[in-house]
Amino acid sequence: KSTMYLQMNSLLPEDTAVYYCAASLRG
């Protein structure tokens, strides 16, 4: 599906933010 996931557990108020995905074709 060309998809990456971020499973977030035990979330805290300080986890509040804008979350960004970043990609590079390089290793």
mmCIF file of all heavy atoms, coordinates in Angstrom:
data_MODEL
# 
_entry.id   MODEL 
# 
loop_
_atom_site.group_PDB 
_atom_site.id 
_atom_site.type_symbol 
_atom_site.label_atom_id 
_atom_site.label_alt_id 
_atom_site.label_comp_id 
_atom_site.label_asym_id 
_atom_site.label_entity_id 
_atom_site.label_seq_id 
_atom_site.pdbx_PDB_ins_code 
_atom_site.Cartn_x 
_atom_site.Cartn_y 
_atom_site.Cartn_z 
_atom_site.occupancy 
_atom_site.B_iso_or_equiv 
_atom_site.pdbx_formal_charge 
_atom_site.auth_seq_id 
_atom_site.auth_comp_id 
_atom_site.auth_asym_id 
_atom_site.auth_atom_id 
_atom_site.pdbx_PDB_model_num 
ATOM 1   N N   . LYS A 1 1  ? 0.820  -1.213 0.000  1.00 0.00 ? 1  LYS A N   1 
ATOM 2   C CA  . LYS A 1 1  ? 0.000  0.000  0.000  1.00 0.00 ? 1  LYS A CA  1 
ATOM 3   C C   . LYS A 1 1  ? 0.853  1.261  0.000  1.00 0.00 ? 1  LYS A C   1 
ATOM 4   O O   . LYS A 1 1  ? 0.327  2.366  0.093  1.00 0.00 ? 1  LYS A O   1 
ATOM 5   C CB  . LYS A 1 1  ? -0.932 0.018  1.206  1.00 0.00 ? 1  LYS A CB  1 
ATOM 6   C CG  . LYS A 1 1  ? -1.940 -1.121 1.232  1.00 0.00 ? 1  LYS A CG  1 
ATOM 7   C CD  . LYS A 1 1  ? -2.848 -1.013 2.451  1.00 0.00 ? 1  LYS A CD  1 
ATOM 8   C CE  . LYS A 1 1  ? -3.874 -2.142 2.457  1.00 0.00 ? 1  LYS A CE  1 
ATOM 9   N NZ  . LYS A 1 1  ? -4.753 -2.064 3.655  1.00 0.00 ? 1  LYS A NZ  1 
ATOM 10  N N   . SER A 1 2  ? 2.191  1.087  -0.076 1.00 0.00 ? 2  SER A N   1 
ATOM 11  C CA  . SER A 1 2  ? 3.117  2.231  -0.021 1.00 0.00 ? 2  SER A CA  1 
ATOM 12  C C   . SER A 1 2  ? 2.811  3.111  1.185  1.00 0.00 ? 2  SER A C   1 
ATOM 13  O O   . SER A 1 2  ? 2.829  4.346  1.087  1.00 0.00 ? 2  SER A O   1 
ATOM 14  C CB  . SER A 1 2  ? 3.023  3.052  -1.316 1.00 0.00 ? 2  SER A CB  1 
ATOM 15  O OG  . SER A 1 2  ? 3.429  2.290  -2.418 1.00 0.00 ? 2  SER A OG  1 
ATOM 16  N N   . THR A 1 3  ? 2.557  2.483  2.295  1.00 0.00 ? 3  THR A N   1 
ATOM 17  C CA  . THR A 1 3  ? 2.111  3.203  3.483  1.00 0.00 ? 3  THR A CA  1 
ATOM 18  C C   . THR A 1 3  ? 2.935  2.824  4.702  1.00 0.00 ? 3  THR A C   1 
ATOM 19  O O   . THR A 1 3  ? 3.237  1.648  4.926  1.00 0.00 ? 3  THR A O   1 
ATOM 20  C CB  . THR A 1 3  ? 0.626  2.913  3.766  1.00 0.00 ? 3  THR A CB  1 
ATOM 21  O OG1 . THR A 1 3  ? -0.150 3.327  2.631  1.00 0.00 ? 3  THR A OG1 1 
ATOM 22  C CG2 . THR A 1 3  ? 0.145  3.657  4.995  1.00 0.00 ? 3  THR A CG2 1 
ATOM 23  N N   . MET A 1 4  ? 3.296  3.848  5.469  1.00 0.00 ? 4  MET A N   1 
ATOM 24  C CA  . MET A 1 4  ? 3.951  3.670  6.754  1.00 0.00 ? 4  MET A CA  1 
ATOM 25  C C   . MET A 1 4  ? 2.972  4.095  7.837  1.00 0.00 ? 4  MET A C   1 
ATOM 26  O O   . MET A 1 4  ? 2.151  4.988  7.621  1.00 0.00 ? 4  MET A O   1 
ATOM 27  C CB  . MET A 1 4  ? 5.211  4.525  6.835  1.00 0.00 ? 4  MET A CB  1 
ATOM 28  C CG  . MET A 1 4  ? 5.911  4.479  8.192  1.00 0.00 ? 4  MET A CG  1 
ATOM 29  S SD  . MET A 1 4  ? 7.418  5.475  8.252  1.00 0.00 ? 4  MET A SD  1 
ATOM 30  C CE  . MET A 1 4  ? 6.745  7.128  8.183  1.00 0.00 ? 4  MET A CE  1 
ATOM 31  N N   . TYR A 1 5  ? 3.090  3.461  8.988  1.00 0.00 ? 5  TYR A N   1 
ATOM 32  C CA  . TYR A 1 5  ? 2.188  3.756  10.087 1.00 0.00 ? 5  TYR A CA  1 
ATOM 33  C C   . TYR A 1 5  ? 2.966  4.177  11.330 1.00 0.00 ? 5  TYR A C   1 
ATOM 34  O O   . TYR A 1 5  ? 4.122  3.817  11.512 1.00 0.00 ? 5  TYR A O   1 
ATOM 35  C CB  . TYR A 1 5  ? 1.333  2.528  10.427 1.00 0.00 ? 5  TYR A CB  1 
ATOM 36  C CG  . TYR A 1 5  ? 0.550  1.994  9.264  1.00 0.00 ? 5  TYR A CG  1 
ATOM 37  C CD1 . TYR A 1 5  ? 1.024  0.918  8.526  1.00 0.00 ? 5  TYR A CD1 1 
ATOM 38  C CD2 . TYR A 1 5  ? -0.668 2.568  8.899  1.00 0.00 ? 5  TYR A CD2 1 
ATOM 39  C CE1 . TYR A 1 5  ? 0.315  0.426  7.442  1.00 0.00 ? 5  TYR A CE1 1 
ATOM 40  C CE2 . TYR A 1 5  ? -1.380 2.083  7.819  1.00 0.00 ? 5  TYR A CE2 1 
ATOM 41  C CZ  . TYR A 1 5  ? -0.893 1.013  7.095  1.00 0.00 ? 5  TYR A CZ  1 
ATOM 42  O OH  . TYR A 1 5  ? -1.601 0.536  6.022  1.00 0.00 ? 5  TYR A OH  1 
ATOM 43  N N   . LEU A 1 6  ? 2.303  4.934  12.175 1.00 0.00 ? 6  LEU A N   1 
ATOM 44  C CA  . LEU A 1 6  ? 2.841  5.251  13.490 1.00 0.00 ? 6  LEU A CA  1 
ATOM 45  C C   . LEU A 1 6  ? 1.761  4.905  14.506 1.00 0.00 ? 6  LEU A C   1 
ATOM 46  O O   . LEU A 1 6  ? 0.753  5.604  14.602 1.00 0.00 ? 6  LEU A O   1 
ATOM 47  C CB  . LEU A 1 6  ? 3.221  6.727  13.613 1.00 0.00 ? 6  LEU A CB  1 
ATOM 48  C CG  . LEU A 1 6  ? 3.835  7.115  14.957 1.00 0.00 ? 6  LEU A CG  1 
ATOM 49  C CD1 . LEU A 1 6  ? 5.197  6.449  15.142 1.00 0.00 ? 6  LEU A CD1 1 
ATOM 50  C CD2 . LEU A 1 6  ? 3.965  8.634  15.089 1.00 0.00 ? 6  LEU A CD2 1 
ATOM 51  N N   . GLN A 1 7  ? 1.966  3.810  15.219 1.00 0.00 ? 7  GLN A N   1 
ATOM 52  C CA  . GLN A 1 7  ? 1.050  3.411  16.275 1.00 0.00 ? 7  GLN A CA  1 
ATOM 53  C C   . GLN A 1 7  ? 1.472  4.111  17.553 1.00 0.00 ? 7  GLN A C   1 
ATOM 54  O O   . GLN A 1 7  ? 2.598  3.949  18.018 1.00 0.00 ? 7  GLN A O   1 
ATOM 55  C CB  . GLN A 1 7  ? 1.074  1.894  16.474 1.00 0.00 ? 7  GLN A CB  1 
ATOM 56  C CG  . GLN A 1 7  ? 0.199  1.404  17.619 1.00 0.00 ? 7  GLN A CG  1 
ATOM 57  C CD  . GLN A 1 7  ? -1.278 1.612  17.335 1.00 0.00 ? 7  GLN A CD  1 
ATOM 58  O OE1 . GLN A 1 7  ? -1.773 1.300  16.261 1.00 0.00 ? 7  GLN A OE1 1 
ATOM 59  N NE2 . GLN A 1 7  ? -1.990 2.152  18.327 1.00 0.00 ? 7  GLN A NE2 1 
ATOM 60  N N   . MET A 1 8  ? 0.571  4.891  18.111 1.00 0.00 ? 8  MET A N   1 
ATOM 61  C CA  . MET A 1 8  ? 0.874  5.671  19.306 1.00 0.00 ? 8  MET A CA  1 
ATOM 62  C C   . MET A 1 8  ? -0.005 5.192  20.454 1.00 0.00 ? 8  MET A C   1 
ATOM 63  O O   . MET A 1 8  ? -1.241 5.251  20.367 1.00 0.00 ? 8  MET A O   1 
ATOM 64  C CB  . MET A 1 8  ? 0.631  7.162  19.037 1.00 0.00 ? 8  MET A CB  1 
ATOM 65  C CG  . MET A 1 8  ? 1.391  7.693  17.833 1.00 0.00 ? 8  MET A CG  1 
ATOM 66  S SD  . MET A 1 8  ? 1.209  9.474  17.614 1.00 0.00 ? 8  MET A SD  1 
ATOM 67  C CE  . MET A 1 8  ? -0.522 9.582  17.192 1.00 0.00 ? 8  MET A CE  1 
ATOM 68  N N   . ASN A 1 9  ? 0.630  4.717  21.499 1.00 0.00 ? 9  ASN A N   1 
ATOM 69  C CA  . ASN A 1 9  ? -0.079 4.225  22.683 1.00 0.00 ? 9  ASN A CA  1 
ATOM 70  C C   . ASN A 1 9  ? 0.281  5.067  23.904 1.00 0.00 ? 9  ASN A C   1 
ATOM 71  O O   . ASN A 1 9  ? 1.277  5.798  23.898 1.00 0.00 ? 9  ASN A O   1 
ATOM 72  C CB  . ASN A 1 9  ? 0.280  2.764  22.936 1.00 0.00 ? 9  ASN A CB  1 
ATOM 73  C CG  . ASN A 1 9  ? -0.109 1.855  21.792 1.00 0.00 ? 9  ASN A CG  1 
ATOM 74  O OD1 . ASN A 1 9  ? -1.118 2.065  21.118 1.00 0.00 ? 9  ASN A OD1 1 
ATOM 75  N ND2 . ASN A 1 9  ? 0.703  0.838  21.545 1.00 0.00 ? 9  ASN A ND2 1 
ATOM 76  N N   . SER A 1 10 ? -0.520 4.942  24.931 1.00 0.00 ? 10 SER A N   1 
ATOM 77  C CA  . SER A 1 10 ? -0.278 5.659  26.191 1.00 0.00 ? 10 SER A CA  1 
ATOM 78  C C   . SER A 1 10 ? -0.006 7.134  25.947 1.00 0.00 ? 10 SER A C   1 
ATOM 79  O O   . SER A 1 10 ? 0.957  7.713  26.460 1.00 0.00 ? 10 SER A O   1 
ATOM 80  C CB  . SER A 1 10 ? 0.918  5.020  26.935 1.00 0.00 ? 10 SER A CB  1 
ATOM 81  O OG  . SER A 1 10 ? 0.698  3.650  27.170 1.00 0.00 ? 10 SER A OG  1 
ATOM 82  N N   . LEU A 1 11 ? -0.865 7.747  25.169 1.00 0.00 ? 11 LEU A N   1 
ATOM 83  C CA  . LEU A 1 11 ? -0.652 9.138  24.793 1.00 0.00 ? 11 LEU A CA  1 
ATOM 84  C C   . LEU A 1 11 ? -0.782 10.078 25.977 1.00 0.00 ? 11 LEU A C   1 
ATOM 85  O O   . LEU A 1 11 ? -1.587 9.862  26.893 1.00 0.00 ? 11 LEU A O   1 
ATOM 86  C CB  . LEU A 1 11 ? -1.642 9.520  23.696 1.00 0.00 ? 11 LEU A CB  1 
ATOM 87  C CG  . LEU A 1 11 ? -1.280 8.969  22.304 1.00 0.00 ? 11 LEU A CG  1 
ATOM 88  C CD1 . LEU A 1 11 ? -2.464 9.024  21.361 1.00 0.00 ? 11 LEU A CD1 1 
ATOM 89  C CD2 . LEU A 1 11 ? -0.106 9.747  21.725 1.00 0.00 ? 11 LEU A CD2 1 
ATOM 90  N N   . LEU A 1 12 ? 0.039  11.126 25.934 1.00 0.00 ? 12 LEU A N   1 
ATOM 91  C CA  . LEU A 1 12 ? 0.113  12.127 26.989 1.00 0.00 ? 12 LEU A CA  1 
ATOM 92  C C   . LEU A 1 12 ? -0.275 13.485 26.419 1.00 0.00 ? 12 LEU A C   1 
ATOM 93  O O   . LEU A 1 12 ? -0.134 13.720 25.214 1.00 0.00 ? 12 LEU A O   1 
ATOM 94  C CB  . LEU A 1 12 ? 1.546  12.195 27.537 1.00 0.00 ? 12 LEU A CB  1 
ATOM 95  C CG  . LEU A 1 12 ? 2.155  10.887 28.026 1.00 0.00 ? 12 LEU A CG  1 
ATOM 96  C CD1 . LEU A 1 12 ? 3.651  11.061 28.261 1.00 0.00 ? 12 LEU A CD1 1 
ATOM 97  C CD2 . LEU A 1 12 ? 1.459  10.421 29.293 1.00 0.00 ? 12 LEU A CD2 1 
ATOM 98  N N   . PRO A 1 13 ? -0.736 14.392 27.258 1.00 0.00 ? 13 PRO A N   1 
ATOM 99  C CA  . PRO A 1 13 ? -1.051 15.741 26.751 1.00 0.00 ? 13 PRO A CA  1 
ATOM 100 C C   . PRO A 1 13 ? 0.128  16.386 26.032 1.00 0.00 ? 13 PRO A C   1 
ATOM 101 O O   . PRO A 1 13 ? -0.075 17.119 25.057 1.00 0.00 ? 13 PRO A O   1 
ATOM 102 C CB  . PRO A 1 13 ? -1.428 16.499 28.027 1.00 0.00 ? 13 PRO A CB  1 
ATOM 103 C CG  . PRO A 1 13 ? -1.983 15.441 28.930 1.00 0.00 ? 13 PRO A CG  1 
ATOM 104 C CD  . PRO A 1 13 ? -1.129 14.225 28.664 1.00 0.00 ? 13 PRO A CD  1 
ATOM 105 N N   . GLU A 1 14 ? 1.333  16.100 26.473 1.00 0.00 ? 14 GLU A N   1 
ATOM 106 C CA  . GLU A 1 14 ? 2.503  16.678 25.819 1.00 0.00 ? 14 GLU A CA  1 
ATOM 107 C C   . GLU A 1 14 ? 2.802  16.081 24.444 1.00 0.00 ? 14 GLU A C   1 
ATOM 108 O O   . GLU A 1 14 ? 3.708  16.538 23.750 1.00 0.00 ? 14 GLU A O   1 
ATOM 109 C CB  . GLU A 1 14 ? 3.743  16.565 26.711 1.00 0.00 ? 14 GLU A CB  1 
ATOM 110 C CG  . GLU A 1 14 ? 3.969  15.192 27.305 1.00 0.00 ? 14 GLU A CG  1 
ATOM 111 C CD  . GLU A 1 14 ? 3.419  15.076 28.719 1.00 0.00 ? 14 GLU A CD  1 
ATOM 112 O OE1 . GLU A 1 14 ? 2.268  15.531 28.956 1.00 0.00 ? 14 GLU A OE1 1 
ATOM 113 O OE2 . GLU A 1 14 ? 4.146  14.527 29.585 1.00 0.00 ? 14 GLU A OE2 1 
ATOM 114 N N   . ASP A 1 15 ? 2.044  15.070 24.058 1.00 0.00 ? 15 ASP A N   1 
ATOM 115 C CA  . ASP A 1 15 ? 2.166  14.537 22.701 1.00 0.00 ? 15 ASP A CA  1 
ATOM 116 C C   . ASP A 1 15 ? 1.365  15.365 21.695 1.00 0.00 ? 15 ASP A C   1 
ATOM 117 O O   . ASP A 1 15 ? 1.425  15.109 20.488 1.00 0.00 ? 15 ASP A O   1 
ATOM 118 C CB  . ASP A 1 15 ? 1.677  13.083 22.649 1.00 0.00 ? 15 ASP A CB  1 
ATOM 119 C CG  . ASP A 1 15 ? 2.591  12.129 23.407 1.00 0.00 ? 15 ASP A CG  1 
ATOM 120 O OD1 . ASP A 1 15 ? 3.822  12.289 23.305 1.00 0.00 ? 15 ASP A OD1 1 
ATOM 121 O OD2 . ASP A 1 15 ? 2.059  11.232 24.099 1.00 0.00 ? 15 ASP A OD2 1 
ATOM 122 N N   . THR A 1 16 ? 0.623  16.330 22.181 1.00 0.00 ? 16 THR A N   1 
ATOM 123 C CA  . THR A 1 16 ? -0.150 17.193 21.302 1.00 0.00 ? 16 THR A CA  1 
ATOM 124 C C   . THR A 1 16 ? 0.765  17.988 20.387 1.00 0.00 ? 16 THR A C   1 
ATOM 125 O O   . THR A 1 16 ? 1.677  18.681 20.846 1.00 0.00 ? 16 THR A O   1 
ATOM 126 C CB  . THR A 1 16 ? -1.018 18.162 22.131 1.00 0.00 ? 16 THR A CB  1 
ATOM 127 O OG1 . THR A 1 16 ? -1.978 17.403 22.880 1.00 0.00 ? 16 THR A OG1 1 
ATOM 128 C CG2 . THR A 1 16 ? -1.738 19.151 21.233 1.00 0.00 ? 16 THR A CG2 1 
ATOM 129 N N   . ALA A 1 17 ? 0.545  17.853 19.093 1.00 0.00 ? 17 ALA A N   1 
ATOM 130 C CA  . ALA A 1 17 ? 1.402  18.507 18.101 1.00 0.00 ? 17 ALA A CA  1 
ATOM 131 C C   . ALA A 1 17 ? 0.856  18.220 16.706 1.00 0.00 ? 17 ALA A C   1 
ATOM 132 O O   . ALA A 1 17 ? -0.071 17.429 16.535 1.00 0.00 ? 17 ALA A O   1 
ATOM 133 C CB  . ALA A 1 17 ? 2.834  17.994 18.201 1.00 0.00 ? 17 ALA A CB  1 
ATOM 134 N N   . VAL A 1 18 ? 1.458  18.874 15.729 1.00 0.00 ? 18 VAL A N   1 
ATOM 135 C CA  . VAL A 1 18 ? 1.246  18.497 14.332 1.00 0.00 ? 18 VAL A CA  1 
ATOM 136 C C   . VAL A 1 18 ? 2.297  17.448 13.992 1.00 0.00 ? 18 VAL A C   1 
ATOM 137 O O   . VAL A 1 18 ? 3.495  17.672 14.212 1.00 0.00 ? 18 VAL A O   1 
ATOM 138 C CB  . VAL A 1 18 ? 1.359  19.701 13.387 1.00 0.00 ? 18 VAL A CB  1 
ATOM 139 C CG1 . VAL A 1 18 ? 1.194  19.255 11.936 1.00 0.00 ? 18 VAL A CG1 1 
ATOM 140 C CG2 . VAL A 1 18 ? 0.310  20.757 13.745 1.00 0.00 ? 18 VAL A CG2 1 
ATOM 141 N N   . TYR A 1 19 ? 1.839  16.336 13.488 1.00 0.00 ? 19 TYR A N   1 
ATOM 142 C CA  . TYR A 1 19 ? 2.730  15.223 13.167 1.00 0.00 ? 19 TYR A CA  1 
ATOM 143 C C   . TYR A 1 19 ? 3.007  15.199 11.669 1.00 0.00 ? 19 TYR A C   1 
ATOM 144 O O   . TYR A 1 19 ? 2.080  15.265 10.855 1.00 0.00 ? 19 TYR A O   1 
ATOM 145 C CB  . TYR A 1 19 ? 2.101  13.906 13.615 1.00 0.00 ? 19 TYR A CB  1 
ATOM 146 C CG  . TYR A 1 19 ? 2.203  13.696 15.106 1.00 0.00 ? 19 TYR A CG  1 
ATOM 147 C CD1 . TYR A 1 19 ? 1.517  14.536 15.995 1.00 0.00 ? 19 TYR A CD1 1 
ATOM 148 C CD2 . TYR A 1 19 ? 3.010  12.704 15.639 1.00 0.00 ? 19 TYR A CD2 1 
ATOM 149 C CE1 . TYR A 1 19 ? 1.631  14.378 17.366 1.00 0.00 ? 19 TYR A CE1 1 
ATOM 150 C CE2 . TYR A 1 19 ? 3.128  12.528 17.011 1.00 0.00 ? 19 TYR A CE2 1 
ATOM 151 C CZ  . TYR A 1 19 ? 2.441  13.371 17.863 1.00 0.00 ? 19 TYR A CZ  1 
ATOM 152 O OH  . TYR A 1 19 ? 2.557  13.200 19.222 1.00 0.00 ? 19 TYR A OH  1 
ATOM 153 N N   . TYR A 1 20 ? 4.288  15.076 11.338 1.00 0.00 ? 20 TYR A N   1 
ATOM 154 C CA  . TYR A 1 20 ? 4.718  15.089 9.951  1.00 0.00 ? 20 TYR A CA  1 
ATOM 155 C C   . TYR A 1 20 ? 5.406  13.790 9.568  1.00 0.00 ? 20 TYR A C   1 
ATOM 156 O O   . TYR A 1 20 ? 6.162  13.222 10.346 1.00 0.00 ? 20 TYR A O   1 
ATOM 157 C CB  . TYR A 1 20 ? 5.706  16.230 9.712  1.00 0.00 ? 20 TYR A CB  1 
ATOM 158 C CG  . TYR A 1 20 ? 5.139  17.611 9.895  1.00 0.00 ? 20 TYR A CG  1 
ATOM 159 C CD1 . TYR A 1 20 ? 5.219  18.246 11.133 1.00 0.00 ? 20 TYR A CD1 1 
ATOM 160 C CD2 . TYR A 1 20 ? 4.524  18.274 8.843  1.00 0.00 ? 20 TYR A CD2 1 
ATOM 161 C CE1 . TYR A 1 20 ? 4.702  19.518 11.309 1.00 0.00 ? 20 TYR A CE1 1 
ATOM 162 C CE2 . TYR A 1 20 ? 4.003  19.551 9.015  1.00 0.00 ? 20 TYR A CE2 1 
ATOM 163 C CZ  . TYR A 1 20 ? 4.093  20.156 10.250 1.00 0.00 ? 20 TYR A CZ  1 
ATOM 164 O OH  . TYR A 1 20 ? 3.573  21.422 10.415 1.00 0.00 ? 20 TYR A OH  1 
ATOM 165 N N   . CYS A 1 21 ? 5.151  13.384 8.347  1.00 0.00 ? 21 CYS A N   1 
ATOM 166 C CA  . CYS A 1 21 ? 5.846  12.245 7.758  1.00 0.00 ? 21 CYS A CA  1 
ATOM 167 C C   . CYS A 1 21 ? 6.901  12.786 6.805  1.00 0.00 ? 21 CYS A C   1 
ATOM 168 O O   . CYS A 1 21 ? 6.643  13.737 6.058  1.00 0.00 ? 21 CYS A O   1 
ATOM 169 C CB  . CYS A 1 21 ? 4.849  11.367 7.021  1.00 0.00 ? 21 CYS A CB  1 
ATOM 170 S SG  . CYS A 1 21 ? 5.574  9.960  6.151  1.00 0.00 ? 21 CYS A SG  1 
ATOM 171 N N   . ALA A 1 22 ? 8.071  12.181 6.830  1.00 0.00 ? 22 ALA A N   1 
ATOM 172 C CA  . ALA A 1 22 ? 9.165  12.597 5.964  1.00 0.00 ? 22 ALA A CA  1 
ATOM 173 C C   . ALA A 1 22 ? 9.706  11.388 5.219  1.00 0.00 ? 22 ALA A C   1 
ATOM 174 O O   . ALA A 1 22 ? 9.728  10.277 5.758  1.00 0.00 ? 22 ALA A O   1 
ATOM 175 C CB  . ALA A 1 22 ? 10.277 13.239 6.790  1.00 0.00 ? 22 ALA A CB  1 
ATOM 176 N N   . ALA A 1 23 ? 10.153 11.620 3.999  1.00 0.00 ? 23 ALA A N   1 
ATOM 177 C CA  . ALA A 1 23 ? 10.619 10.510 3.175  1.00 0.00 ? 23 ALA A CA  1 
ATOM 178 C C   . ALA A 1 23 ? 11.854 10.901 2.386  1.00 0.00 ? 23 ALA A C   1 
ATOM 179 O O   . ALA A 1 23 ? 11.998 12.044 1.948  1.00 0.00 ? 23 ALA A O   1 
ATOM 180 C CB  . ALA A 1 23 ? 9.518  10.050 2.224  1.00 0.00 ? 23 ALA A CB  1 
ATOM 181 N N   . SER A 1 24 ? 12.723 9.923  2.218  1.00 0.00 ? 24 SER A N   1 
ATOM 182 C CA  . SER A 1 24 ? 13.888 10.077 1.351  1.00 0.00 ? 24 SER A CA  1 
ATOM 183 C C   . SER A 1 24 ? 14.048 8.805  0.532  1.00 0.00 ? 24 SER A C   1 
ATOM 184 O O   . SER A 1 24 ? 13.846 7.706  1.059  1.00 0.00 ? 24 SER A O   1 
ATOM 185 C CB  . SER A 1 24 ? 15.150 10.320 2.181  1.00 0.00 ? 24 SER A CB  1 
ATOM 186 O OG  . SER A 1 24 ? 16.295 10.323 1.341  1.00 0.00 ? 24 SER A OG  1 
ATOM 187 N N   . LEU A 1 25 ? 14.407 8.967  -0.705 1.00 0.00 ? 25 LEU A N   1 
ATOM 188 C CA  . LEU A 1 25 ? 14.657 7.796  -1.541 1.00 0.00 ? 25 LEU A CA  1 
ATOM 189 C C   . LEU A 1 25 ? 16.020 7.183  -1.231 1.00 0.00 ? 25 LEU A C   1 
ATOM 190 O O   . LEU A 1 25 ? 16.320 6.074  -1.671 1.00 0.00 ? 25 LEU A O   1 
ATOM 191 C CB  . LEU A 1 25 ? 14.580 8.179  -3.026 1.00 0.00 ? 25 LEU A CB  1 
ATOM 192 C CG  . LEU A 1 25 ? 13.200 8.619  -3.524 1.00 0.00 ? 25 LEU A CG  1 
ATOM 193 C CD1 . LEU A 1 25 ? 13.261 9.024  -4.984 1.00 0.00 ? 25 LEU A CD1 1 
ATOM 194 C CD2 . LEU A 1 25 ? 12.164 7.530  -3.314 1.00 0.00 ? 25 LEU A CD2 1 
ATOM 195 N N   . ARG A 1 26 ? 16.816 7.902  -0.450 1.00 0.00 ? 26 ARG A N   1 
ATOM 196 C CA  . ARG A 1 26 ? 18.126 7.391  -0.065 1.00 0.00 ? 26 ARG A CA  1 
ATOM 197 C C   . ARG A 1 26 ? 18.018 6.529  1.183  1.00 0.00 ? 26 ARG A C   1 
ATOM 198 O O   . ARG A 1 26 ? 17.120 6.699  1.992  1.00 0.00 ? 26 ARG A O   1 
ATOM 199 C CB  . ARG A 1 26 ? 19.072 8.564  0.210  1.00 0.00 ? 26 ARG A CB  1 
ATOM 200 C CG  . ARG A 1 26 ? 19.323 9.464  -0.994 1.00 0.00 ? 26 ARG A CG  1 
ATOM 201 C CD  . ARG A 1 26 ? 20.168 10.670 -0.586 1.00 0.00 ? 26 ARG A CD  1 
ATOM 202 N NE  . ARG A 1 26 ? 19.475 11.534 0.344  1.00 0.00 ? 26 ARG A NE  1 
ATOM 203 C CZ  . ARG A 1 26 ? 20.030 12.029 1.448  1.00 0.00 ? 26 ARG A CZ  1 
ATOM 204 N NH1 . ARG A 1 26 ? 21.273 11.715 1.763  1.00 0.00 ? 26 ARG A NH1 1 
ATOM 205 N NH2 . ARG A 1 26 ? 19.338 12.839 2.235  1.00 0.00 ? 26 ARG A NH2 1 
ATOM 206 N N   . GLY A 1 27 ? 18.931 5.629  1.325  1.00 0.00 ? 27 GLY A N   1 
ATOM 207 C CA  . GLY A 1 27 ? 19.026 4.822  2.536  1.00 0.00 ? 27 GLY A CA  1 
ATOM 208 C C   . GLY A 1 27 ? 19.938 5.525  3.516  1.00 0.00 ? 27 GLY A C   1 
ATOM 209 O O   . GLY A 1 27 ? 21.161 5.460  3.394  1.00 0.00 ? 27 GLY A O   1 
# 
